[in-house]
Amino acid sequence: MIHRQRKQIRLRGYDYRNVGAYFVTICTHQRRCTFGTVRNGVMRLNDWGQIVAKIWRTIPEFRPYVILDVFQCMPNHVHLILWIISDDAPNVLPENVDVVDVGQRRAFALHQRQTEPERGVKSKSLGSIIGGFKSAVTREINDLRGEKYPPIWQGRFHDRIIRNERELEAIRRYIRANPANWREDQDYDAGLDDYLNNIAPT
């Protein structure tokens, strides 16, 4: 299978600790089907996939400035939405912030980007959160299988700053529909940009 090479990179100068909602996709190493199978439009998690789902649910226990939204573990990737919120009010969304206020945070930050590998990331940033999630999953799976190779994840992950309520709901629908669309969309990002442009245009 030939996969597209994304040209976007993480936006330089953008503070990924900003309050708001983020859509993240994390792929498995070489996009291998690692976490289970899809049968009749339903994702069936194997033992490793169950570890992924469990670690996802525990994120707010260690990071009270994170609120979990929609999550879907697929055979070769994970889709998720999470919110970064204020330390002053953990586990509570600010009343005046539904999604990222991109108008005040440079309009060109709206485009989808691919992050750099998890090194030198800032504390409490999106990179730190996702890096910690990936590391925790890797440790538990390695303990279960008794070895450290091959790797579980790709070194990078894909992120999108969610712009508005319409886009938020569109991405939620996209994530929830992933198992049903697996036969047509085994390349995790096929058609995503077109989908968002049609459902939640700029």
Protein backbone atom coordinates (compact mmCIF):
# COMPACT_ATOMS: atom_id res chain seq x y z
CA MET A 1 0.00 0.00 0.00
CA ILE A 2 1.32 3.44 -0.92
CA HIS A 3 0.73 6.11 1.69
CA ARG A 4 0.74 9.84 1.18
CA GLN A 5 3.59 11.80 2.67
CA ARG A 6 2.24 14.74 4.61
CA LYS A 7 3.95 18.02 3.86
CA GLN A 8 2.64 19.97 6.83
CA ILE A 9 4.85 20.33 9.86
CA ARG A 10 4.15 21.54 13.34
CA LEU A 11 3.54 25.27 13.36
CA ARG A 12 6.62 27.08 14.60
CA GLY A 13 5.96 29.51 17.40
CA TYR A 14 2.55 28.09 18.30
CA ASP A 15 2.17 27.35 22.01
CA TYR A 16 0.69 23.87 22.29
CA ARG A 17 -0.15 24.54 25.93
CA ASN A 18 -2.95 26.86 24.84
CA VAL A 19 -6.43 26.19 26.18
CA GLY A 20 -8.60 24.51 23.55
CA ALA A 21 -9.57 21.30 21.77
CA TYR A 22 -7.11 19.25 19.70
CA PHE A 23 -7.72 16.42 17.24
CA VAL A 24 -4.84 13.92 17.25
CA THR A 25 -4.06 10.84 15.17
CA ILE A 26 -1.30 8.43 16.22
CA CYS A 27 -0.24 5.62 13.87
CA THR A 28 1.35 2.31 14.69
CA HIS A 29 4.89 1.47 13.56
CA GLN A 30 4.81 0.89 9.79
CA ARG A 31 1.03 1.13 10.11
CA ARG A 32 0.78 -2.49 11.13
CA CYS A 33 -2.57 -3.76 12.37
CA THR A 34 -1.50 -4.03 15.99
CA PHE A 35 -4.52 -3.36 18.21
CA GLY A 36 -7.18 -5.73 16.91
CA THR A 37 -9.52 -6.21 13.95
CA VAL A 38 -12.68 -4.70 12.53
CA ARG A 39 -15.56 -7.13 12.04
CA ASN A 40 -18.94 -6.12 10.67
CA GLY A 41 -18.13 -2.49 11.25
CA VAL A 42 -17.18 -2.99 14.90
CA MET A 43 -13.66 -2.60 16.28
CA ARG A 44 -12.61 -5.67 18.26
CA LEU A 45 -9.70 -4.76 20.54
CA ASN A 46 -7.08 -7.38 21.29
CA ASP A 47 -5.08 -7.34 24.54
CA TRP A 48 -2.82 -4.59 23.23
CA GLY A 49 -5.76 -2.51 22.06
CA GLN A 50 -7.35 -2.82 25.47
CA ILE A 51 -4.15 -1.44 27.00
CA VAL A 52 -4.37 1.57 24.66
CA ALA A 53 -7.97 2.23 25.70
CA LYS A 54 -7.14 1.83 29.38
CA ILE A 55 -4.17 4.22 29.29
CA TRP A 56 -6.30 6.79 27.46
CA ARG A 57 -8.87 6.77 30.27
CA THR A 58 -6.19 7.35 32.91
CA ILE A 59 -4.69 10.52 31.38
CA PRO A 60 -6.68 12.98 33.56
CA GLU A 61 -5.55 11.15 36.71
CA PHE A 62 -1.99 12.31 36.04
CA ARG A 63 -2.79 15.46 34.05
CA PRO A 64 -5.74 17.30 35.66
CA TYR A 65 -5.49 20.03 33.02
CA VAL A 66 -6.70 17.54 30.36
CA ILE A 67 -10.31 16.64 29.55
CA LEU A 68 -10.95 13.63 27.33
CA ASP A 69 -13.41 13.81 24.46
CA VAL A 70 -14.00 11.26 21.68
CA PHE A 71 -11.57 8.35 21.28
CA GLN A 72 -11.31 5.47 18.81
CA CYS A 73 -8.62 2.82 18.71
CA MET A 74 -8.36 1.22 15.25
CA PRO A 75 -6.14 -1.67 14.12
CA ASN A 76 -3.30 0.59 12.94
CA HIS A 77 -4.03 4.02 14.39
CA VAL A 78 -5.73 5.93 17.16
CA HIS A 79 -7.98 8.97 16.75
CA LEU A 80 -8.73 11.19 19.73
CA ILE A 81 -9.91 14.61 20.79
CA LEU A 82 -8.67 16.12 24.02
CA TRP A 83 -9.00 19.49 25.68
CA ILE A 84 -6.23 21.39 27.39
CA ILE A 85 -7.71 23.57 30.12
CA SER A 86 -6.57 25.97 32.81
CA ASP A 87 -4.73 24.74 35.89
CA ASP A 88 -6.90 27.14 37.86
CA ALA A 89 -10.00 25.05 37.21
CA PRO A 90 -8.99 21.44 36.60
CA ASN A 91 -11.60 19.20 34.95
CA VAL A 92 -13.83 22.17 34.17
CA LEU A 93 -14.03 23.81 30.76
CA PRO A 94 -13.81 27.61 30.82
CA GLU A 95 -17.28 29.10 30.33
CA ASN A 96 -16.12 31.34 27.50
CA VAL A 97 -14.01 28.77 25.64
CA ASP A 98 -15.80 26.14 23.55
CA VAL A 99 -12.99 25.62 21.05
CA VAL A 100 -9.70 27.30 20.30
CA ASP A 101 -10.07 31.01 19.61
CA VAL A 102 -7.99 30.91 16.47
CA GLY A 103 -8.75 34.50 15.60
CA GLN A 104 -6.49 35.53 18.46
CA ARG A 105 -3.91 32.81 17.82
CA ARG A 106 -2.87 33.43 14.20
CA ALA A 107 -5.29 32.28 11.53
CA PHE A 108 -2.76 30.14 9.67
CA ALA A 109 -2.66 27.80 12.67
CA LEU A 110 -5.89 26.28 11.35
CA HIS A 111 -4.18 23.97 8.88
CA GLN A 112 -3.46 20.40 9.84
CA ARG A 113 0.14 19.76 10.85
CA GLN A 114 2.40 16.88 11.70
CA THR A 115 4.30 17.22 14.91
CA GLU A 116 8.00 16.75 15.46
CA PRO A 117 9.19 13.68 17.37
CA GLU A 118 8.59 13.88 21.12
CA ARG A 119 11.83 15.48 22.22
CA GLY A 120 12.35 18.81 23.90
CA VAL A 121 8.60 19.30 24.32
CA LYS A 122 7.24 21.75 26.86
CA SER A 123 5.63 20.57 30.06
CA LYS A 124 1.82 20.45 29.89
CA SER A 125 1.86 20.81 26.12
CA LEU A 126 0.07 18.62 23.60
CA GLY A 127 3.39 16.97 22.71
CA SER A 128 4.04 16.16 26.35
CA ILE A 129 0.56 14.68 26.80
CA ILE A 130 0.73 12.51 23.69
CA GLY A 131 4.34 11.52 24.36
CA GLY A 132 3.39 10.37 27.86
CA PHE A 133 0.41 8.42 26.51
CA LYS A 134 2.51 6.65 23.90
CA SER A 135 5.26 5.84 26.40
CA ALA A 136 2.82 4.41 28.94
CA VAL A 137 1.20 2.20 26.29
CA THR A 138 4.60 1.03 25.06
CA ARG A 139 5.82 0.14 28.56
CA GLU A 140 2.77 -1.95 29.37
CA ILE A 141 2.72 -3.75 26.02
CA ASN A 142 6.45 -4.47 26.27
CA ASP A 143 5.91 -5.92 29.74
CA LEU A 144 3.12 -8.10 28.35
CA ARG A 145 5.09 -9.40 25.36
CA GLY A 146 8.44 -9.54 27.15
CA GLU A 147 10.39 -7.64 24.50
CA LYS A 148 10.89 -4.11 23.17
CA TYR A 149 10.95 -4.73 19.41
CA PRO A 150 9.36 -3.97 17.02
CA PRO A 151 8.24 -0.50 18.16
CA ILE A 152 4.56 0.08 18.83
CA TRP A 153 4.21 3.60 17.43
CA GLN A 154 5.46 5.80 14.67
CA GLY A 155 7.76 8.51 15.96
CA ARG A 156 5.41 11.33 15.00
CA PHE A 157 1.76 12.14 15.45
CA HIS A 158 -0.69 14.32 13.54
CA ASP A 159 -2.59 17.16 15.17
CA ARG A 160 -5.24 19.66 14.23
CA ILE A 161 -6.35 22.64 16.31
CA ILE A 162 -10.14 22.51 16.33
CA ARG A 163 -11.49 25.83 15.11
CA ASN A 164 -15.16 25.96 15.98
CA GLU A 165 -18.17 23.97 17.16
CA ARG A 166 -19.10 22.88 13.66
CA GLU A 167 -15.68 21.39 13.04
CA LEU A 168 -15.67 19.80 16.50
CA GLU A 169 -18.92 17.95 15.78
CA ALA A 170 -17.73 16.97 12.28
CA ILE A 171 -14.52 15.46 13.65
CA ARG A 172 -16.43 13.64 16.37
CA ARG A 173 -18.65 12.06 13.71
CA TYR A 174 -15.61 11.17 11.62
CA ILE A 175 -13.92 9.43 14.56
CA ARG A 176 -17.05 7.50 15.58
CA ALA A 177 -17.61 6.34 11.99
CA ASN A 178 -14.08 4.94 11.60
CA PRO A 179 -14.94 1.28 12.30
CA ALA A 180 -17.88 1.32 9.89
CA ASN A 181 -15.68 2.87 7.19
CA TRP A 182 -12.68 0.63 7.75
CA ARG A 183 -12.94 -1.27 4.44
CA GLU A 184 -12.91 1.96 2.46
CA ASP A 185 -10.46 3.86 4.67
CA GLN A 186 -7.72 1.59 5.95
CA ASP A 187 -5.26 4.38 5.21
CA TYR A 188 -6.20 6.32 8.33
CA ASP A 189 -6.22 9.79 6.79
CA ALA A 190 -7.67 9.09 3.36
CA GLY A 191 -10.30 11.68 2.58
CA LEU A 192 -10.11 13.45 5.93
CA ASP A 193 -9.22 16.86 4.53
CA ASP A 194 -11.98 16.65 1.91
CA TYR A 195 -14.43 15.52 4.57
CA LEU A 196 -13.66 18.47 6.82
CA ASN A 197 -13.71 20.92 3.94
CA ASN A 198 -17.17 19.71 2.91
CA ILE A 199 -18.68 19.38 6.39
CA ALA A 200 -16.96 22.23 8.18
CA PRO A 201 -15.69 24.66 5.56
CA THR A 202 -13.54 27.63 6.50
